[in-house]
Amino acid sequence: MSRRRAWLSGGALVIAALLVSGCGSATKPDGTAQKGGTLTVAAAQGIPQLNPAIRTFAWEEMLFPLLWNGLTKTDASGKVVGDLAERWEASADQKTWTFTLKQGVTFSNGDPFTAASAVAAFRYYLDDKTATQEKNKISMVTDVSAPDEKTVVITLSEPIATFPAGIVWVKMIDIDALGSIDKQPIGTGPYVVQKFTPDDSVTLVPNKKFFGTAPALSAIKVVKAAESTAAVTGLRSGDIDVLWSVPQGDVAGLEGGDISLVRPDSPSQWPSWEVDTTSAPFNDVRARQALAYATDREAILDAAYSGQGEVSPTNNALGAKNPWFAGDLTDYSYDLDKAKKLFAEAGVTEGSTLTWWGVAGQYPEWNTSGEILQASLKKIGITLKIDNNDIGTWVNSFYPAGKSYPGYIVPNFQSTPPEPGYSLNFYLPGRCECNWQDPEFTAAFAAAIAEPDEKARKEKWGKAEEIINREVPLIVPLQSTVVSATSTKVSGVWVEGGGQLHLEDVRLKG
């Protein structure tokens, strides 16, 4: 969710009420993009706090590139490029990384950003007291030092050839200003916070000390949208310029007219149905494979996700369009005959009962998915009990990894970067609530993430994907697409595979 961003820590879309009108944009009569104007951005949830290390919801990530920079960043093509670092190099063993910083960067309060600033930020992220989702990406860091003002040296305990991708979301915050970060955050990004009302709205204005090209807009106002119908109405009327994460059932009705839809080129948000691989029946790989075959991916995509995504017939966290999708993989397309046979071999026979742990009042796509699976299993004589619960009980039932829940199928979702090192790492011991531990996969993962040659690394990722494909630690029915909608007068919006919205280069036009 960035590390996998599970719903318990950041994926929930809480429908709430506020619709702010008035875009205030200045435009040219010929309709060309220009400088100036206020952009109003809405989502079906508010922003409760402003510390990028301790993000609460996925929506907060929209602010990150506007207010802060990392040493590296992901560009619109999905490539990892320099941000505050102008270049970097790794030692031959991929365990020592040296970053050279750009010249002339200051924080928004005028203080210089130096290598010492970067060291302090990294140490804050690494501190055991800092509850950050980035920790799993940098847990191998053993030392961060600044031999001079423009050089940052990071030492790792193990070889990581993809380390620059792993620190994209480690933002360089001013550690000395942490006490006031929710009132007046200090950053290096193109905007600063003018006003923040928690869980309601944030107003951003240009950072006059920004080291890069000055932002085109006069202001960005981020608001909590009303329920989806009113939000869409606001978009059509012009009261809202950008709506993040359009409800999937509303996407088709927004096609055309004065609204544009923005989708990631390669979606990397994926439902993950978790089972306890350490207790019956899913401690038997045949039961997990049977469940994969019993999953009607096409029906789930159409009915539960309104067609917004791509099925994953190989049960892979990486979509087929992902550049790292590889390996000789079994196709688990819907086949109830195979499912029935494998279930029987694992002791799940006609008359057996499994349980779908759902959520009451939220995530309609999960409830629809459970109902489709229920109908499929009924055809082969297996009962799926749907047990809807309050979302707040999820943690005590399943988190952290190690809890036992025999016979349960638990829907979740992950929102991850396309880079396998930071999506397939969910399958490592202690991460996935499915409790899967496979030494062969752990070794394959370590070999792939340490490989500096991209062609060789893709082959090694393919081996890791083959193990996941064979062992089916959890069910991945599809890759879902996070769709955002914009007025056609807005240009420059783009979305990462995991749904993160980018507004750094937005302009308004007539």
Protein backbone atom coordinates (compact mmCIF):
# COMPACT_ATOMS: atom_id res chain seq x y z
CA MET A 1 0.00 0.00 0.00
CA SER A 2 5.01 1.89 -0.90
CA ARG A 3 4.87 -1.26 1.15
CA ARG A 4 1.75 -3.28 0.52
CA ARG A 5 -0.95 -0.99 1.71
CA ALA A 6 -3.53 -3.24 3.31
CA TRP A 7 -6.97 -1.95 4.14
CA LEU A 8 -6.33 -2.03 7.86
CA SER A 9 -3.66 0.64 7.44
CA GLY A 10 -4.64 2.68 4.49
CA GLY A 11 -6.97 1.36 1.85
CA ALA A 12 -10.35 2.21 3.35
CA LEU A 13 -12.55 4.68 1.53
CA VAL A 14 -14.79 6.21 4.16
CA ILE A 15 -17.82 7.90 2.64
CA ALA A 16 -18.22 11.25 4.33
CA ALA A 17 -19.71 14.63 3.64
CA LEU A 18 -18.29 17.85 2.26
CA LEU A 19 -18.36 19.24 -1.20
CA VAL A 20 -16.50 22.46 -1.75
CA SER A 21 -17.42 24.62 -4.70
CA GLY A 22 -15.53 27.24 -6.63
CA CYS A 23 -12.45 26.36 -8.66
CA GLY A 24 -11.32 29.94 -9.22
CA SER A 25 -9.23 29.04 -12.23
CA ALA A 26 -7.93 31.58 -14.67
CA THR A 27 -7.97 30.39 -18.27
CA LYS A 28 -6.98 31.53 -21.74
CA PRO A 29 -9.75 31.99 -24.28
CA ASP A 30 -8.03 29.64 -26.75
CA GLY A 31 -8.12 26.76 -24.28
CA THR A 32 -4.35 26.32 -23.95
CA ALA A 33 -2.75 25.46 -20.63
CA GLN A 34 -1.56 28.42 -18.60
CA LYS A 35 -0.17 29.37 -15.22
CA GLY A 36 -2.43 30.20 -12.32
CA GLY A 37 -5.77 29.06 -11.00
CA THR A 38 -6.91 26.90 -8.10
CA LEU A 39 -7.30 23.16 -8.53
CA THR A 40 -9.94 21.46 -6.36
CA VAL A 41 -9.20 17.79 -5.71
CA ALA A 42 -11.59 15.44 -3.94
CA ALA A 43 -11.62 11.91 -2.55
CA ALA A 44 -14.12 9.96 -0.51
CA GLN A 45 -11.99 10.31 2.61
CA GLY A 46 -10.21 13.06 4.46
CA ILE A 47 -6.57 13.50 5.42
CA PRO A 48 -6.08 13.16 9.19
CA GLN A 49 -2.40 14.08 9.55
CA LEU A 50 0.59 15.31 7.51
CA ASN A 51 3.59 13.19 8.48
CA PRO A 52 4.58 11.23 5.32
CA ALA A 53 6.42 8.62 7.38
CA ILE A 54 3.34 7.79 9.45
CA ARG A 55 0.70 7.78 6.75
CA THR A 56 -2.73 6.63 7.83
CA PHE A 57 -4.57 6.24 4.53
CA ALA A 58 -3.60 5.66 0.92
CA TRP A 59 -5.07 9.04 -0.03
CA GLU A 60 -2.37 10.86 1.96
CA GLU A 61 0.22 9.76 -0.60
CA MET A 62 -1.19 12.30 -3.03
CA LEU A 63 0.42 15.01 -0.86
CA PHE A 64 3.87 13.43 -0.74
CA PRO A 65 5.36 14.63 -4.07
CA LEU A 66 3.69 18.02 -3.62
CA LEU A 67 5.28 18.75 -0.24
CA TRP A 68 8.34 16.53 -0.03
CA ASN A 69 11.01 14.86 -2.12
CA GLY A 70 12.96 11.66 -1.73
CA LEU A 71 16.45 10.94 -2.94
CA THR A 72 14.73 9.11 -5.80
CA LYS A 73 11.27 9.12 -7.36
CA THR A 74 9.18 7.23 -9.89
CA ASP A 75 8.38 9.11 -13.10
CA ALA A 76 5.23 8.81 -15.20
CA SER A 77 6.77 5.99 -17.25
CA GLY A 78 7.38 3.94 -14.11
CA LYS A 79 11.14 4.47 -14.17
CA VAL A 80 13.04 5.27 -10.99
CA VAL A 81 14.96 8.53 -11.47
CA GLY A 82 16.80 11.04 -9.34
CA ASP A 83 14.87 13.47 -7.18
CA LEU A 84 17.04 15.16 -4.55
CA ALA A 85 19.91 12.93 -5.68
CA GLU A 86 21.35 13.82 -9.07
CA ARG A 87 23.14 10.49 -9.35
CA TRP A 88 24.08 7.36 -7.40
CA GLU A 89 26.28 4.31 -7.64
CA ALA A 90 26.50 0.95 -5.92
CA SER A 91 29.46 -1.09 -4.82
CA ALA A 92 30.13 -4.31 -6.71
CA ASP A 93 28.41 -6.34 -3.99
CA GLN A 94 25.28 -4.08 -4.08
CA LYS A 95 25.63 -3.42 -0.34
CA THR A 96 26.97 0.15 -0.32
CA TRP A 97 25.05 2.90 -2.11
CA THR A 98 26.47 6.40 -2.60
CA PHE A 99 24.08 9.23 -3.51
CA THR A 100 25.25 12.64 -4.72
CA LEU A 101 22.77 15.40 -3.91
CA LYS A 102 21.61 18.22 -6.18
CA GLN A 103 22.97 21.69 -5.56
CA GLY A 104 20.92 24.57 -4.21
CA VAL A 105 18.11 22.68 -2.50
CA THR A 106 16.53 24.30 0.55
CA PHE A 107 13.66 23.45 2.83
CA SER A 108 10.58 25.64 2.54
CA ASN A 109 11.72 27.63 5.59
CA GLY A 110 14.96 28.56 3.81
CA ASP A 111 17.27 26.16 5.64
CA PRO A 112 19.65 24.28 3.32
CA PHE A 113 18.97 20.63 2.58
CA THR A 114 22.28 18.79 3.06
CA ALA A 115 23.52 15.25 3.36
CA ALA A 116 23.21 15.62 7.13
CA SER A 117 19.50 16.39 6.61
CA ALA A 118 19.11 13.17 4.62
CA VAL A 119 20.93 11.14 7.27
CA ALA A 120 18.62 12.54 9.96
CA ALA A 121 15.54 11.68 7.90
CA PHE A 122 16.70 8.12 7.27
CA ARG A 123 17.50 7.62 10.94
CA TYR A 124 14.02 8.81 11.82
CA TYR A 125 12.46 6.27 9.43
CA LEU A 126 14.71 3.54 10.85
CA ASP A 127 13.98 4.39 14.48
CA ASP A 128 12.06 1.62 16.25
CA LYS A 129 9.74 4.28 17.67
CA THR A 130 8.69 5.45 14.20
CA ALA A 131 5.65 3.51 12.99
CA THR A 132 6.31 3.70 9.26
CA GLN A 133 5.20 1.39 6.47
CA GLU A 134 8.53 2.01 4.73
CA LYS A 135 10.47 0.08 7.34
CA ASN A 136 10.27 -3.23 5.50
CA LYS A 137 11.96 -1.63 2.46
CA ILE A 138 14.87 -0.22 4.45
CA SER A 139 15.18 -2.73 7.29
CA MET A 140 18.47 -3.94 5.78
CA VAL A 141 20.10 -0.51 6.25
CA THR A 142 22.88 -0.78 8.82
CA ASP A 143 24.43 2.68 8.46
CA VAL A 144 23.71 6.08 6.89
CA SER A 145 26.50 8.63 6.80
CA ALA A 146 27.41 11.99 5.26
CA PRO A 147 31.11 12.22 4.37
CA ASP A 148 30.44 15.72 3.03
CA GLU A 149 27.48 18.09 2.50
CA LYS A 150 26.48 16.60 -0.86
CA THR A 151 27.18 12.89 -0.35
CA VAL A 152 25.03 10.29 1.40
CA VAL A 153 26.41 6.78 1.90
CA ILE A 154 23.98 4.01 2.83
CA THR A 155 25.27 0.60 3.91
CA LEU A 156 23.12 -2.53 3.72
CA SER A 157 23.36 -5.86 5.48
CA GLU A 158 22.50 -7.71 2.27
CA PRO A 159 22.82 -7.01 -1.45
CA ILE A 160 19.83 -5.09 -2.85
CA ALA A 161 20.17 -4.16 -6.53
CA THR A 162 16.78 -2.40 -6.47
CA PHE A 163 17.53 -0.16 -3.49
CA PRO A 164 16.83 3.16 -5.32
CA ALA A 165 13.28 1.91 -5.98
CA GLY A 166 12.89 0.95 -2.33
CA ILE A 167 13.48 4.48 -1.02
CA VAL A 168 11.13 6.38 -3.36
CA TRP A 169 8.62 6.92 -0.54
CA VAL A 170 11.24 7.75 2.11
CA LYS A 171 10.63 11.48 2.08
CA MET A 172 13.21 13.97 3.29
CA ILE A 173 11.36 15.69 6.10
CA ASP A 174 12.88 18.30 8.41
CA ILE A 175 13.43 16.33 11.59
CA ASP A 176 13.86 19.50 13.65
CA ALA A 177 10.31 20.55 12.72
CA LEU A 178 8.50 17.30 13.56
CA GLY A 179 6.69 18.93 16.48
CA SER A 180 4.80 21.26 14.16
CA ILE A 181 4.42 18.97 11.14
CA ASP A 182 0.60 18.91 11.37
CA LYS A 183 0.43 22.71 11.55
CA GLN A 184 3.24 23.91 9.32
CA PRO A 185 5.11 21.03 7.65
CA ILE A 186 8.55 21.90 6.33
CA GLY A 187 9.48 20.24 3.04
CA THR A 188 11.43 20.67 -0.17
CA GLY A 189 8.53 20.11 -2.61
CA PRO A 190 6.85 22.51 -5.03
CA TYR A 191 4.05 23.42 -2.62
CA VAL A 192 3.60 24.32 1.05
CA VAL A 193 0.58 24.03 3.32
CA GLN A 194 -1.38 27.25 3.72
CA LYS A 195 -4.21 25.74 5.79
CA PHE A 196 -4.98 22.27 7.15
CA THR A 197 -8.18 21.13 8.83
CA PRO A 198 -7.74 17.46 9.79
CA ASP A 199 -10.13 15.05 8.06
CA ASP A 200 -11.65 17.95 6.15
CA SER A 201 -9.43 19.93 3.79
CA VAL A 202 -5.87 20.98 2.94
CA THR A 203 -4.94 24.09 0.97
CA LEU A 204 -1.54 24.20 -0.74
CA VAL A 205 0.21 27.19 -2.30
CA PRO A 206 3.51 27.36 -4.24
CA ASN A 207 6.76 26.99 -2.32
CA LYS A 208 8.68 30.14 -3.23
CA LYS A 209 11.95 28.43 -2.30
CA PHE A 210 11.40 25.34 -4.46
CA PHE A 211 14.60 24.28 -6.22
CA GLY A 212 12.87 23.13 -9.42
CA THR A 213 10.51 24.68 -11.93
CA ALA A 214 7.91 26.80 -10.17
CA PRO A 215 4.47 25.12 -10.03
CA ALA A 216 1.90 26.33 -12.52
CA LEU A 217 -1.07 26.58 -10.15
CA SER A 218 -1.82 29.34 -7.67
CA ALA A 219 -3.26 26.83 -5.20
CA ILE A 220 -4.46 23.27 -4.75
CA LYS A 221 -7.42 22.63 -2.47
CA VAL A 222 -7.86 19.03 -1.29
CA VAL A 223 -11.31 18.28 0.12
CA LYS A 224 -13.25 15.35 1.49
CA ALA A 225 -15.92 14.57 -1.07
CA ALA A 226 -19.52 13.85 -0.39
CA GLU A 227 -20.91 10.42 -1.16
CA SER A 228 -20.09 9.25 -4.66
CA THR A 229 -23.20 10.54 -6.46
CA ALA A 230 -22.71 14.09 -5.18
CA ALA A 231 -18.98 13.90 -5.90
CA VAL A 232 -19.61 12.94 -9.52
CA THR A 233 -22.20 15.73 -9.76
CA GLY A 234 -19.58 18.15 -8.45
CA LEU A 235 -17.12 16.97 -11.07
CA ARG A 236 -19.66 17.48 -13.85
CA SER A 237 -20.63 20.93 -12.59
CA GLY A 238 -17.03 22.10 -12.29
CA ASP A 239 -17.01 22.39 -8.50
CA ILE A 240 -14.43 19.59 -8.45
CA ASP A 241 -11.54 19.39 -10.91
CA VAL A 242 -10.10 16.00 -9.95
CA LEU A 243 -11.81 13.06 -8.24
CA TRP A 244 -9.50 10.32 -6.97
CA SER A 245 -10.48 6.64 -6.94
CA VAL A 246 -13.84 6.85 -8.67
CA PRO A 247 -16.18 4.10 -7.42
CA GLN A 248 -15.84 1.34 -9.98
CA GLY A 249 -19.55 1.22 -10.66
CA ASP A 250 -19.52 4.90 -11.63
CA VAL A 251 -16.61 4.74 -14.09
CA ALA A 252 -18.60 3.76 -17.19
CA GLY A 253 -21.02 6.66 -16.72
CA LEU A 254 -18.16 9.17 -16.72
CA GLU A 255 -16.73 8.26 -20.11
CA GLY A 256 -16.71 11.15 -22.59
CA GLY A 257 -18.07 14.69 -22.37
CA ASP A 258 -16.22 17.18 -20.21
CA ILE A 259 -14.60 14.51 -18.04
CA SER A 260 -11.40 12.56 -18.68
CA LEU A 261 -10.47 9.30 -16.97
CA VAL A 262 -6.92 8.68 -15.81
CA ARG A 263 -5.72 5.10 -15.36
CA PRO A 264 -2.30 3.60 -14.61
CA ASP A 265 -0.58 1.94 -17.57
CA SER A 266 0.07 -1.18 -15.53
CA PRO A 267 -2.27 -1.55 -12.53
CA SER A 268 -0.58 -2.94 -9.43
CA GLN A 269 -3.37 -2.98 -6.89
CA TRP A 270 -4.55 -6.52 -6.31
CA PRO A 271 -7.12 -8.31 -4.16
CA SER A 272 -5.46 -10.90 -1.93
CA TRP A 273 -7.67 -13.60 -0.46
CA GLU A 274 -5.72 -14.96 2.46
CA VAL A 275 -5.95 -18.45 3.91
CA ASP A 276 -4.07 -19.99 6.83
CA THR A 277 -1.46 -22.18 5.12
CA THR A 278 -0.53 -23.74 8.47
CA SER A 279 -3.92 -25.28 9.34
CA ALA A 280 -6.37 -27.57 7.59
CA PRO A 281 -7.55 -27.63 4.93
CA PHE A 282 -5.31 -24.96 3.39
CA ASN A 283 -2.10 -26.39 4.81
CA ASP A 284 -2.47 -28.78 1.87
CA VAL A 285 -1.32 -27.13 -1.38
CA ARG A 286 -3.99 -29.07 -3.28
CA ALA A 287 -6.74 -27.25 -1.36
CA ARG A 288 -5.14 -23.91 -2.25
CA GLN A 289 -4.81 -24.90 -5.90
CA ALA A 290 -8.43 -26.06 -5.85
CA LEU A 291 -9.53 -22.68 -4.53
CA ALA A 292 -7.60 -21.01 -7.33
CA TYR A 293 -9.45 -23.10 -9.93
CA ALA A 294 -12.80 -22.41 -8.21
CA THR A 295 -12.32 -18.65 -8.52
CA ASP A 296 -14.36 -17.29 -11.41
CA ARG A 297 -12.06 -14.38 -12.17
CA GLU A 298 -13.98 -13.07 -15.17
CA ALA A 299 -17.28 -12.97 -13.25
CA ILE A 300 -15.61 -11.29 -10.27
CA LEU A 301 -13.96 -8.65 -12.47
CA ASP A 302 -17.24 -7.88 -14.23
CA ALA A 303 -19.65 -8.00 -11.29
CA ALA A 304 -17.51 -6.96 -8.31
CA TYR A 305 -15.09 -4.56 -10.00
CA SER A 306 -17.27 -3.31 -12.88
CA GLY A 307 -14.68 -4.49 -15.37
CA GLN A 308 -12.05 -2.07 -14.03
CA GLY A 309 -8.93 -4.21 -14.08
CA GLU A 310 -7.41 -7.33 -15.56
CA VAL A 311 -7.87 -10.94 -14.52
CA SER A 312 -4.88 -12.82 -13.15
CA PRO A 313 -5.27 -16.37 -14.49
CA THR A 314 -1.83 -17.35 -13.17
CA ASN A 315 -2.79 -16.12 -9.68
CA ASN A 316 0.15 -13.71 -9.83
CA ALA A 317 0.52 -10.50 -7.85
CA LEU A 318 2.24 -9.12 -10.94
CA GLY A 319 -0.08 -8.36 -13.83
CA ALA A 320 0.68 -9.68 -17.31
CA LYS A 321 1.61 -6.12 -18.41
CA ASN A 322 4.14 -5.78 -15.61
CA PRO A 323 7.64 -5.73 -17.15
CA TRP A 324 8.77 -8.28 -14.53
CA PHE A 325 6.01 -10.80 -15.24
CA ALA A 326 7.90 -14.00 -16.09
CA GLY A 327 8.28 -17.73 -15.56
CA ASP A 328 6.62 -20.94 -16.70
CA LEU A 329 3.29 -20.49 -14.92
CA THR A 330 0.21 -22.68 -14.51
CA ASP A 331 -3.05 -21.18 -15.75
CA TYR A 332 -5.68 -21.37 -12.99
CA SER A 333 -8.58 -20.24 -15.13
CA TYR A 334 -12.01 -21.23 -13.81
CA ASP A 335 -12.36 -25.04 -13.84
CA LEU A 336 -14.72 -26.58 -11.30
CA ASP A 337 -13.86 -30.14 -12.34
CA LYS A 338 -10.21 -29.59 -11.42
CA ALA A 339 -11.27 -27.75 -8.27
CA LYS A 340 -13.52 -30.59 -7.11
CA LYS A 341 -10.83 -33.22 -7.74
CA LEU A 342 -8.11 -31.30 -5.89
CA PHE A 343 -10.40 -30.40 -3.00
CA ALA A 344 -11.33 -34.07 -2.59
CA GLU A 345 -7.67 -35.09 -2.55
CA ALA A 346 -7.11 -32.54 0.23
CA GLY A 347 -10.07 -33.84 2.23
CA VAL A 348 -12.56 -31.12 1.31
CA THR A 349 -15.45 -33.19 0.02
CA GLU A 350 -19.13 -32.69 -0.72
CA GLY A 351 -20.81 -31.44 2.43
CA SER A 352 -17.71 -29.60 3.68
CA THR A 353 -18.03 -25.99 4.86
CA LEU A 354 -15.59 -23.12 4.43
CA THR A 355 -16.05 -19.55 5.70
CA TRP A 356 -15.65 -16.22 3.89
CA TRP A 357 -14.70 -13.52 6.41
CA GLY A 358 -16.34 -10.41 5.01
CA VAL A 359 -16.83 -6.83 6.15
CA ALA A 360 -20.23 -5.46 7.08
CA GLY A 361 -21.23 -2.23 5.37
CA GLN A 362 -17.98 -1.68 3.46
CA TYR A 363 -16.13 -3.07 0.45
CA PRO A 364 -19.09 -4.14 -1.69
CA GLU A 365 -16.63 -5.69 -4.13
CA TRP A 366 -15.57 -8.12 -1.41
CA ASN A 367 -19.13 -9.12 -0.65
CA THR A 368 -19.89 -9.64 -4.34
CA SER A 369 -16.69 -11.67 -4.76
CA GLY A 370 -17.69 -13.87 -1.81
CA GLU A 371 -21.15 -14.44 -3.26
CA ILE A 372 -19.69 -15.46 -6.64
CA LEU A 373 -17.30 -17.88 -4.95
CA GLN A 374 -20.14 -19.19 -2.81
CA ALA A 375 -22.20 -19.99 -5.92
CA SER A 376 -19.24 -21.71 -7.57
CA LEU A 377 -18.45 -23.90 -4.57
CA LYS A 378 -22.10 -24.84 -4.19
CA LYS A 379 -21.95 -26.41 -7.67
CA ILE A 380 -19.35 -28.90 -6.40
CA GLY A 381 -21.12 -29.59 -3.10
CA ILE A 382 -19.07 -27.31 -0.83
CA THR A 383 -20.78 -24.75 1.39
CA LEU A 384 -19.23 -21.30 1.74
CA LYS A 385 -20.59 -19.51 4.78
CA ILE A 386 -20.37 -15.72 4.43
CA ASP A 387 -19.60 -14.19 7.80
CA ASN A 388 -19.62 -10.38 7.70
CA ASN A 389 -17.88 -8.61 10.56
CA ASP A 390 -17.01 -5.15 11.77
CA ILE A 391 -13.82 -3.98 10.10
CA GLY A 392 -12.30 -3.16 13.48
CA THR A 393 -12.10 -6.85 14.39
CA TRP A 394 -9.70 -7.65 11.55
CA VAL A 395 -6.51 -6.94 13.50
CA ASN A 396 -7.33 -9.17 16.46
CA SER A 397 -8.37 -11.98 14.13
CA PHE A 398 -5.57 -12.01 11.57
CA TYR A 399 -2.78 -9.53 12.31
CA PRO A 400 0.13 -9.80 12.73
CA ALA A 401 1.05 -12.95 10.84
CA GLY A 402 0.93 -16.06 12.96
CA LYS A 403 -2.76 -16.19 13.86
CA SER A 404 -4.60 -19.45 13.19
CA TYR A 405 -7.89 -19.37 11.25
CA PRO A 406 -8.62 -22.82 9.80
CA GLY A 407 -11.11 -23.02 6.95
CA TYR A 408 -11.38 -19.24 6.49
CA ILE A 409 -10.94 -17.24 3.31
CA VAL A 410 -10.15 -13.62 4.20
CA PRO A 411 -10.33 -10.87 1.54
CA ASN A 412 -7.78 -8.08 1.65
CA PHE A 413 -5.99 -5.98 -0.96
CA GLN A 414 -2.49 -4.74 -1.65
CA SER A 415 -1.40 -1.61 -3.47
CA THR A 416 2.22 -1.98 -4.48
CA PRO A 417 4.85 -0.63 -6.88
CA PRO A 418 5.43 -2.59 -10.11
CA GLU A 419 8.93 -3.53 -8.89
CA PRO A 420 8.70 -7.15 -7.56
CA GLY A 421 11.07 -6.45 -4.71
CA TYR A 422 8.35 -4.36 -3.11
CA SER A 423 5.30 -6.44 -4.05
CA LEU A 424 6.47 -10.05 -3.90
CA ASN A 425 8.12 -9.25 -0.57
CA PHE A 426 4.63 -9.66 0.89
CA TYR A 427 5.18 -13.44 0.54
CA LEU A 428 8.30 -13.43 2.74
CA PRO A 429 8.10 -15.04 6.21
CA GLY A 430 6.30 -12.90 8.74
CA ARG A 431 4.68 -10.56 6.21
CA CYS A 432 1.63 -12.28 4.76
CA GLU A 433 -1.12 -13.13 7.23
CA CYS A 434 -1.41 -16.39 5.25
CA ASN A 435 1.52 -17.60 7.41
CA TRP A 436 3.36 -19.04 4.39
CA GLN A 437 7.03 -19.84 4.85
CA ASP A 438 8.91 -21.41 1.97
CA PRO A 439 12.73 -21.54 2.08
CA GLU A 440 12.89 -22.10 -1.69
CA PHE A 441 10.96 -18.89 -2.33
CA THR A 442 12.98 -16.93 0.24
CA ALA A 443 16.20 -17.98 -1.50
CA ALA A 444 14.79 -17.18 -4.95
CA PHE A 445 13.65 -13.75 -3.76
CA ALA A 446 17.08 -12.98 -2.28
CA ALA A 447 18.81 -14.04 -5.50
CA ALA A 448 16.55 -11.86 -7.64
CA ILE A 449 16.71 -8.71 -5.57
CA ALA A 450 20.53 -8.92 -5.41
CA GLU A 451 20.98 -9.26 -9.20
CA PRO A 452 22.23 -5.99 -10.79
CA ASP A 453 21.73 -7.12 -14.40
CA GLU A 454 18.11 -6.48 -15.41
CA LYS A 455 17.83 -9.34 -17.90
CA ALA A 456 19.22 -11.84 -15.41
CA ARG A 457 17.06 -10.34 -12.67
CA LYS A 458 13.90 -10.87 -14.72
CA GLU A 459 14.77 -14.54 -15.13
CA LYS A 460 15.32 -14.83 -11.39
CA TRP A 461 12.04 -13.10 -10.64
CA GLY A 462 10.46 -15.63 -12.97
CA LYS A 463 11.75 -18.44 -10.75
CA ALA A 464 10.25 -16.75 -7.68
CA GLU A 465 6.94 -16.32 -9.51
CA GLU A 466 6.96 -20.00 -10.47
CA ILE A 467 7.18 -21.00 -6.79
CA ILE A 468 4.30 -18.70 -5.83
CA ASN A 469 2.31 -19.99 -8.80
CA ARG A 470 2.84 -23.62 -7.79
CA GLU A 471 2.31 -23.19 -4.05
CA VAL A 472 -0.63 -20.70 -4.17
CA PRO A 473 -0.04 -19.07 -0.75
CA LEU A 474 -3.06 -16.83 -1.37
CA ILE A 475 -5.57 -16.12 -4.12
CA VAL A 476 -5.04 -13.19 -6.50
CA PRO A 477 -8.13 -13.05 -8.74
CA LEU A 478 -7.16 -9.90 -10.64
CA GLN A 479 -5.33 -6.61 -10.74
CA SER A 480 -7.82 -3.81 -10.09
CA THR A 481 -7.51 -0.38 -11.64
CA VAL A 482 -7.74 2.75 -9.51
CA VAL A 483 -9.44 5.22 -11.85
CA SER A 484 -9.35 8.95 -11.26
CA ALA A 485 -11.49 11.45 -13.14
CA THR A 486 -10.61 14.99 -14.14
CA SER A 487 -12.22 17.91 -15.86
CA THR A 488 -10.99 18.22 -19.44
CA LYS A 489 -9.58 21.63 -18.54
CA VAL A 490 -6.98 19.87 -16.36
CA SER A 491 -3.73 18.59 -17.87
CA GLY A 492 -0.69 16.87 -16.38
CA VAL A 493 -2.42 14.39 -14.02
CA TRP A 494 -0.97 10.86 -13.91
CA VAL A 495 -1.46 7.82 -11.71
CA GLU A 496 1.00 5.17 -10.52
CA GLY A 497 0.15 1.49 -10.82
CA GLY A 498 -0.93 1.33 -7.18
CA GLY A 499 -3.30 4.26 -7.62
CA GLN A 500 -1.13 7.09 -6.27
CA LEU A 501 -2.25 10.39 -7.83
CA HIS A 502 0.37 12.84 -9.14
CA LEU A 503 -0.43 16.53 -9.47
CA GLU A 504 3.04 18.10 -9.46
CA ASP A 505 2.88 19.20 -13.11
CA VAL A 506 -0.83 20.03 -13.38
CA ARG A 507 -2.02 23.05 -15.32
CA LEU A 508 -5.48 24.40 -16.04
CA LYS A 509 -6.68 25.30 -19.50
CA GLY A 510 -9.78 26.89 -20.96
